[in-house]
Protein backbone atom coordinates (compact mmCIF):
# COMPACT_ATOMS: atom_id res chain seq x y z
CA MET A 1 -25.01 15.87 13.81
CA LYS A 2 -24.59 15.96 10.04
CA LEU A 3 -22.77 13.30 8.76
CA LEU A 4 -20.92 13.39 5.11
CA VAL A 5 -20.91 10.35 3.16
CA LEU A 6 -18.36 9.65 0.33
CA ASN A 7 -18.80 7.29 -2.65
CA HIS A 8 -16.18 5.62 -4.91
CA ASP A 9 -16.35 8.10 -7.36
CA GLU A 10 -15.97 11.21 -5.04
CA VAL A 11 -13.05 9.81 -3.17
CA VAL A 12 -11.22 8.97 -6.59
CA ARG A 13 -11.90 12.89 -7.56
CA LEU A 14 -10.73 14.07 -4.01
CA LEU A 15 -8.21 12.31 -3.81
CA PRO A 16 -5.72 12.50 -6.32
CA MET A 17 -2.40 10.84 -6.29
CA SER A 18 -0.16 13.49 -6.20
CA GLU A 19 -1.89 14.76 -3.04
CA CYS A 20 -2.59 11.59 -1.40
CA ILE A 21 1.34 10.79 -1.53
CA ASP A 22 1.91 13.95 0.25
CA VAL A 23 -1.02 13.04 2.91
CA MET A 24 0.78 9.60 3.33
CA GLN A 25 4.34 11.40 3.97
CA GLU A 26 2.81 13.41 6.77
CA ALA A 27 0.87 10.77 8.09
CA LEU A 28 3.89 8.35 8.59
CA SER A 29 5.95 11.29 10.03
CA GLY A 30 3.15 11.61 12.63
CA LEU A 31 3.28 8.18 13.79
CA ALA A 32 6.89 8.18 13.76
CA ARG A 33 6.70 11.57 16.38
CA GLY A 34 4.54 9.45 18.19
CA GLU A 35 1.18 11.59 17.56
CA ALA A 36 -1.07 8.42 16.48
CA GLU A 37 -1.95 5.32 18.45
CA LEU A 38 -3.29 1.95 16.85
CA PRO A 39 -3.59 -1.53 17.89
CA LEU A 40 -2.78 -4.43 15.77
CA ARG A 41 -5.89 -5.05 13.80
CA PRO A 42 -8.14 -8.07 14.45
CA ILE A 43 -8.96 -10.37 11.41
CA PHE A 44 -12.21 -12.24 11.65
CA ARG A 45 -11.95 -15.35 9.80
CA PRO A 46 -15.10 -17.34 9.67
CA GLU A 47 -14.73 -20.90 8.77
CA ASN A 48 -15.69 -21.86 4.99
CA VAL A 49 -16.34 -18.76 4.09
CA ARG A 50 -13.94 -17.11 1.17
CA GLY A 51 -13.16 -13.69 2.76
CA VAL A 52 -12.46 -12.17 5.74
CA MET A 53 -13.39 -8.89 8.07
CA ALA A 54 -10.35 -6.68 9.19
CA MET A 55 -11.19 -3.96 11.97
CA MET A 56 -8.27 -1.44 11.64
CA PRO A 57 -8.95 1.12 14.58
CA SER A 58 -6.80 4.22 14.99
CA PHE A 59 -6.41 7.66 17.06
CA ARG A 60 -4.72 10.98 15.89
CA ARG A 61 -3.59 13.40 18.49
CA GLY A 62 -3.54 17.29 18.11
CA ASP A 63 -5.30 20.28 18.08
CA SER A 64 -8.42 18.37 16.31
CA PRO A 65 -7.85 14.74 17.43
CA LEU A 66 -9.65 12.22 15.33
CA PHE A 67 -10.55 8.22 16.11
CA GLY A 68 -11.05 6.35 12.82
CA LEU A 69 -12.17 2.66 12.05
CA LYS A 70 -11.97 1.19 8.84
CA ALA A 71 -14.17 -2.06 8.70
CA ILE A 72 -13.25 -4.10 5.50
CA CYS A 73 -13.92 -7.27 3.76
CA VAL A 74 -11.34 -9.05 1.98
CA PHE A 75 -12.85 -11.31 -0.89
CA PRO A 76 -9.82 -12.35 -3.20
CA ASP A 77 -11.88 -13.90 -5.79
CA ASN A 78 -13.62 -10.50 -6.64
CA ALA A 79 -11.17 -9.77 -9.19
CA ALA A 80 -13.06 -12.75 -11.40
CA ILE A 81 -16.13 -10.66 -11.08
CA GLY A 82 -14.97 -7.48 -11.65
CA ILE A 83 -15.38 -6.44 -8.04
CA ASP A 84 -12.54 -4.63 -5.96
CA ALA A 85 -11.42 -7.27 -3.42
CA HIS A 86 -11.61 -4.43 -0.71
CA GLN A 87 -14.86 -3.94 0.06
CA GLY A 88 -16.08 -1.88 2.99
CA GLY A 89 -15.96 1.88 5.09
CA VAL A 90 -13.87 4.22 6.74
CA LEU A 91 -15.40 5.79 9.95
CA VAL A 92 -14.36 9.34 11.26
CA PHE A 93 -15.36 10.58 14.81
CA SER A 94 -14.33 13.27 16.56
CA GLY A 95 -11.75 12.81 19.30
CA GLN A 96 -13.26 15.51 21.42
CA THR A 97 -17.06 14.17 21.39
CA GLY A 98 -16.88 10.77 19.64
CA GLU A 99 -19.50 12.30 16.96
CA LEU A 100 -19.49 10.47 13.82
CA MET A 101 -18.37 12.85 11.27
CA ALA A 102 -18.09 10.91 7.80
CA LEU A 103 -18.17 7.51 6.30
CA VAL A 104 -15.94 7.23 3.26
CA ASN A 105 -15.74 4.54 0.85
CA ALA A 106 -12.79 2.16 1.74
CA SER A 107 -12.40 0.78 -1.70
CA ALA A 108 -11.08 3.90 -3.14
CA ILE A 109 -9.17 4.77 0.11
CA THR A 110 -7.44 1.29 -0.06
CA ALA A 111 -6.59 1.24 -3.40
CA ILE A 112 -5.33 5.06 -3.29
CA ARG A 113 -3.55 5.10 0.01
CA THR A 114 -1.70 1.90 -0.47
CA ALA A 115 -0.08 2.95 -3.86
CA ALA A 116 0.73 6.64 -2.30
CA VAL A 117 2.62 4.86 0.77
CA SER A 118 4.10 2.96 -1.99
CA GLY A 119 5.20 6.01 -3.80
CA VAL A 120 6.54 7.59 -0.41
CA ALA A 121 8.56 4.78 -0.32
CA THR A 122 10.03 4.80 -3.40
CA ARG A 123 10.70 8.44 -3.29
CA THR A 124 12.69 7.74 0.04
CA LEU A 125 14.31 4.54 -0.69
CA ALA A 126 15.04 4.28 -4.89
CA ARG A 127 17.62 5.30 -6.41
CA GLN A 128 17.00 8.35 -8.23
CA GLU A 129 17.58 7.18 -11.84
CA ALA A 130 15.06 4.27 -11.46
CA ASN A 131 13.06 3.81 -14.63
CA GLU A 132 12.26 0.20 -15.18
CA LEU A 133 9.37 -0.86 -13.47
CA ALA A 134 7.97 -4.73 -13.18
CA ILE A 135 4.48 -5.10 -11.78
CA ILE A 136 3.25 -8.49 -10.50
CA GLY A 137 -0.34 -8.22 -10.42
CA ALA A 138 -2.74 -6.67 -12.82
CA GLY A 139 -5.56 -5.89 -10.68
CA VAL A 140 -6.82 -2.63 -8.51
CA GLN A 141 -3.47 -1.97 -6.95
CA GLY A 142 -1.40 -2.56 -9.94
CA ARG A 143 -3.23 0.27 -11.34
CA THR A 144 -2.87 2.72 -8.59
CA HIS A 145 0.94 1.68 -8.26
CA LEU A 146 1.53 2.38 -11.84
CA GLU A 147 0.45 6.06 -11.27
CA ALA A 148 2.30 6.29 -7.92
CA MET A 149 5.38 5.13 -9.44
CA ALA A 150 5.16 7.33 -12.15
CA HIS A 151 4.86 10.24 -9.78
CA VAL A 152 8.02 9.56 -7.86
CA ARG A 153 10.24 8.60 -10.61
CA PRO A 154 11.37 9.24 -14.27
CA LEU A 155 10.09 5.89 -15.73
CA ARG A 156 11.06 4.80 -19.42
CA ARG A 157 9.07 1.35 -19.25
CA ALA A 158 6.32 -0.70 -17.22
CA ARG A 159 6.47 -4.30 -17.95
CA ILE A 160 3.18 -5.77 -16.40
CA VAL A 161 2.35 -9.53 -15.24
CA ALA A 162 -0.73 -11.48 -14.16
CA GLN A 163 -1.74 -15.02 -13.70
CA ARG A 164 -3.35 -14.47 -16.94
CA PHE A 165 -1.59 -13.00 -19.99
CA GLU A 166 -4.96 -11.50 -21.47
CA ASN A 167 -5.03 -9.69 -18.21
CA ALA A 168 -2.02 -7.92 -18.29
CA GLN A 169 -2.61 -7.31 -22.02
CA ALA A 170 -5.43 -5.50 -20.82
CA PHE A 171 -4.02 -3.89 -18.42
CA ALA A 172 -1.25 -2.35 -20.95
CA ASP A 173 -3.93 -1.40 -23.16
CA GLU A 174 -6.20 0.56 -20.47
CA MET A 175 -3.24 2.19 -19.22
CA GLN A 176 -1.29 3.23 -22.02
CA ALA A 177 -3.27 6.24 -23.03
CA LYS A 178 -2.65 7.76 -19.93
CA PHE A 179 1.08 7.82 -19.86
CA ASP A 180 3.72 8.72 -22.48
CA PHE A 181 6.06 5.78 -21.37
CA THR A 182 5.88 2.20 -22.53
CA ILE A 183 3.79 -0.53 -21.02
CA GLU A 184 4.38 -3.93 -21.88
CA PRO A 185 2.69 -7.00 -20.95
CA VAL A 186 4.94 -9.81 -20.38
CA ARG A 187 4.02 -13.78 -19.81
CA VAL A 188 6.47 -14.76 -16.95
CA ALA A 189 7.32 -12.81 -13.48
CA GLU A 190 11.07 -13.41 -14.36
CA GLU A 191 11.37 -11.81 -17.57
CA ALA A 192 9.85 -8.53 -16.00
CA VAL A 193 11.90 -8.03 -13.06
CA ARG A 194 15.33 -8.83 -14.64
CA GLU A 195 15.21 -5.97 -16.89
CA ALA A 196 13.74 -3.87 -13.81
CA ASN A 197 15.47 -1.56 -10.88
CA LEU A 198 11.48 -0.68 -9.80
CA ILE A 199 9.67 -3.49 -8.87
CA VAL A 200 6.02 -3.90 -6.96
CA THR A 201 4.37 -7.18 -5.81
CA ALA A 202 0.89 -6.69 -6.00
CA THR A 203 -0.57 -10.12 -6.18
CA THR A 204 -2.65 -12.58 -3.89
CA SER A 205 -0.37 -14.96 -4.19
CA HIS A 206 0.59 -17.34 -0.72
CA ASP A 207 3.81 -18.10 -2.39
CA PRO A 208 6.89 -15.96 -3.20
CA VAL A 209 6.22 -14.30 -7.08
CA ILE A 210 9.90 -13.20 -7.43
CA LYS A 211 13.42 -14.78 -6.79
CA ARG A 212 16.44 -13.19 -5.88
CA GLU A 213 18.39 -14.39 -8.96
CA TRP A 214 16.10 -12.28 -10.90
CA ILE A 215 16.79 -8.96 -8.96
CA ARG A 216 19.15 -6.59 -10.47
CA PRO A 217 21.63 -4.87 -7.60
CA GLY A 218 20.50 -1.51 -6.28
CA SER A 219 16.96 -2.57 -7.06
CA HIS A 220 14.05 -1.30 -5.08
CA ILE A 221 10.92 -3.40 -4.36
CA ASN A 222 7.83 -2.36 -2.87
CA ALA A 223 5.86 -5.42 -1.66
CA VAL A 224 2.00 -4.73 -1.08
CA GLY A 225 -0.28 -7.82 -1.64
CA THR A 226 -0.05 -9.93 1.35
CA TYR A 227 -1.17 -9.31 5.05
CA SER A 228 -0.97 -12.42 6.63
CA PRO A 229 1.55 -14.44 8.71
CA LYS A 230 1.39 -17.40 6.25
CA ALA A 231 1.51 -15.86 3.00
CA ARG A 232 4.00 -13.85 0.94
CA GLU A 233 5.53 -12.62 -2.17
CA ILE A 234 8.66 -12.16 -1.44
CA ASP A 235 11.78 -15.38 -1.32
CA THR A 236 13.38 -16.03 1.72
CA ALA A 237 16.89 -15.28 -0.25
CA THR A 238 15.65 -11.91 -1.36
CA ILE A 239 14.78 -10.80 2.57
CA VAL A 240 17.87 -11.82 3.63
CA ALA A 241 19.81 -10.10 0.92
CA ALA A 242 17.98 -6.84 0.86
CA SER A 243 17.47 -4.01 3.16
CA LEU A 244 14.20 -4.58 4.83
CA PHE A 245 12.11 -1.68 5.48
CA VAL A 246 8.59 -1.19 7.04
CA ASP A 247 5.31 0.60 7.82
CA ARG A 248 5.15 -0.57 11.17
CA ARG A 249 7.68 -2.79 13.31
CA GLU A 250 4.75 -4.20 15.29
CA SER A 251 2.76 -4.74 12.65
CA ALA A 252 5.61 -6.65 10.53
CA LEU A 253 6.64 -8.94 13.39
CA ASN A 254 2.84 -10.20 13.88
CA GLU A 255 1.47 -9.71 10.64
CA ALA A 256 3.69 -10.23 7.67
CA GLY A 257 5.10 -13.42 6.00
CA ASP A 258 7.49 -12.05 4.31
CA TYR A 259 9.64 -11.39 7.59
CA MET A 260 8.07 -14.15 9.75
CA ILE A 261 8.50 -16.70 7.34
CA PRO A 262 12.49 -16.14 7.19
CA ALA A 263 12.33 -15.51 10.98
CA ALA A 264 10.72 -19.12 11.64
CA GLU A 265 13.35 -20.16 9.32
CA GLY A 266 16.03 -18.96 12.03
CA LEU A 267 17.61 -16.66 9.14
CA ILE A 268 16.85 -13.24 10.27
CA GLY A 269 15.46 -11.73 13.38
CA PRO A 270 13.80 -8.02 14.20
CA ASP A 271 17.02 -6.39 13.69
CA HIS A 272 16.86 -7.27 10.17
CA ILE A 273 14.06 -4.48 9.82
CA ARG A 274 16.50 -1.31 9.11
CA ALA A 275 13.48 1.11 10.28
CA GLU A 276 9.99 1.99 9.75
CA LEU A 277 9.47 4.46 6.81
CA GLY A 278 8.24 7.32 9.09
CA GLU A 279 11.80 6.71 11.09
CA ILE A 280 13.65 7.40 7.71
CA LEU A 281 11.31 10.74 6.87
CA ILE A 282 11.77 12.25 10.20
CA GLY A 283 15.65 12.07 10.25
CA LYS A 284 15.65 9.10 12.80
CA HIS A 285 17.03 6.78 10.97
CA ALA A 286 18.77 6.47 7.59
CA GLY A 287 17.21 4.85 4.43
CA ARG A 288 19.26 3.63 1.13
CA SER A 289 22.82 3.44 1.91
CA ALA A 290 24.76 2.20 -1.26
CA HIS A 291 24.18 2.50 -4.94
CA ASN A 292 24.11 -1.33 -5.56
CA GLU A 293 22.07 -2.07 -2.21
CA ILE A 294 18.59 -4.07 -2.79
CA THR A 295 15.87 -2.15 -0.71
CA VAL A 296 12.43 -4.00 0.03
CA PHE A 297 9.34 -2.04 1.54
CA LYS A 298 7.00 -4.04 3.09
CA SER A 299 3.52 -2.41 3.24
CA LEU A 300 1.05 -3.92 5.84
CA GLY A 301 -1.52 -1.14 5.20
CA LEU A 302 -1.81 1.06 8.52
CA ALA A 303 -5.26 2.35 9.77
CA ILE A 304 -3.63 5.74 10.40
CA GLU A 305 -3.16 5.91 6.77
CA ASP A 306 -6.96 5.40 6.15
CA LEU A 307 -7.75 7.87 8.70
CA ALA A 308 -5.29 10.35 7.29
CA ALA A 309 -6.80 9.69 3.51
CA ALA A 310 -10.64 9.99 4.71
CA GLU A 311 -9.94 13.16 7.04
CA TYR A 312 -8.12 14.72 3.86
CA VAL A 313 -11.44 13.99 1.40
CA TYR A 314 -13.87 14.58 4.40
CA GLN A 315 -12.15 18.59 4.72
CA LYS A 316 -12.18 18.88 0.64
CA GLY A 317 -15.97 17.30 0.23
CA LYS A 318 -17.28 19.95 2.81
CA GLU A 319 -15.19 22.53 1.25
CA LYS A 320 -16.29 21.82 -2.30
CA SER A 321 -19.96 20.68 -1.37
CA VAL A 322 -19.20 16.88 -2.50
CA GLY A 323 -20.73 14.27 -1.01
CA SER A 324 -24.11 13.69 1.12
CA LEU A 325 -24.72 15.29 3.93
CA ILE A 326 -27.29 13.30 6.17
CA SER A 327 -28.67 13.85 9.81
CA PHE A 328 -27.16 11.22 11.86
């Protein structure tokens, strides 16, 4: 058995954002059609350790069935030393024999596919004319989300907020050369959000980073930074006022503090989740229903997204002779 190993730079080369957005759309549509299975991810939190390990298994049916497993460590403090917070690998197995086919760098997969899913959500839920972007968070996800948003909406300006203004400035300086719209660092989230009709929250904050009174009617929000019941980026008032869409109901009900905290306050229940994104894509549920409606897409990240992205780069890697083939 030959195992294809793809490193970070090889994944980036094989998985351009425009292609990944389409791959994620198909993966989420397949999930809504019942073509995939995945359990809730177990998260291992050793005592007195500043990081966690998550295990994300999935199975995709079809003529060429596959098992996938992303094993990833999340260390939020890595940003301070210039390392991605997400470290790990995605394993791809044959669904017919169980043979291990590929080991793919998970930092690159996570960075690209997370933003690509937000691209699908924005293409599906945001107003067509949305062109003022606010990104809260100037890390890896902030960068890939800027690219994803630019692919799906005609941006006029992007305003960037970070915990430290110099990080927002460095982000703007780095990314401006890649885009023809203005990328502007700002000091506080309120300043960025009040001018925006498209908002991305990509932080490691445990507490809300945006407030309802800042948000313009008709805005769309992609909330991607938090993944645990006790952490959230969006305040209760915004979640209550908005139409809430998710990548997967079961995950949101069990893992999303943005939903679970307002639910624990007795202000919303499961019916407040309008639909899974895949259900909109296959026509099972409607998306945005009014011009002035505020829409929120709460993304937790799904193992089936990792499997779809890893299989895609595996197939391209074989076709283009990219990566390292080793006997295993």
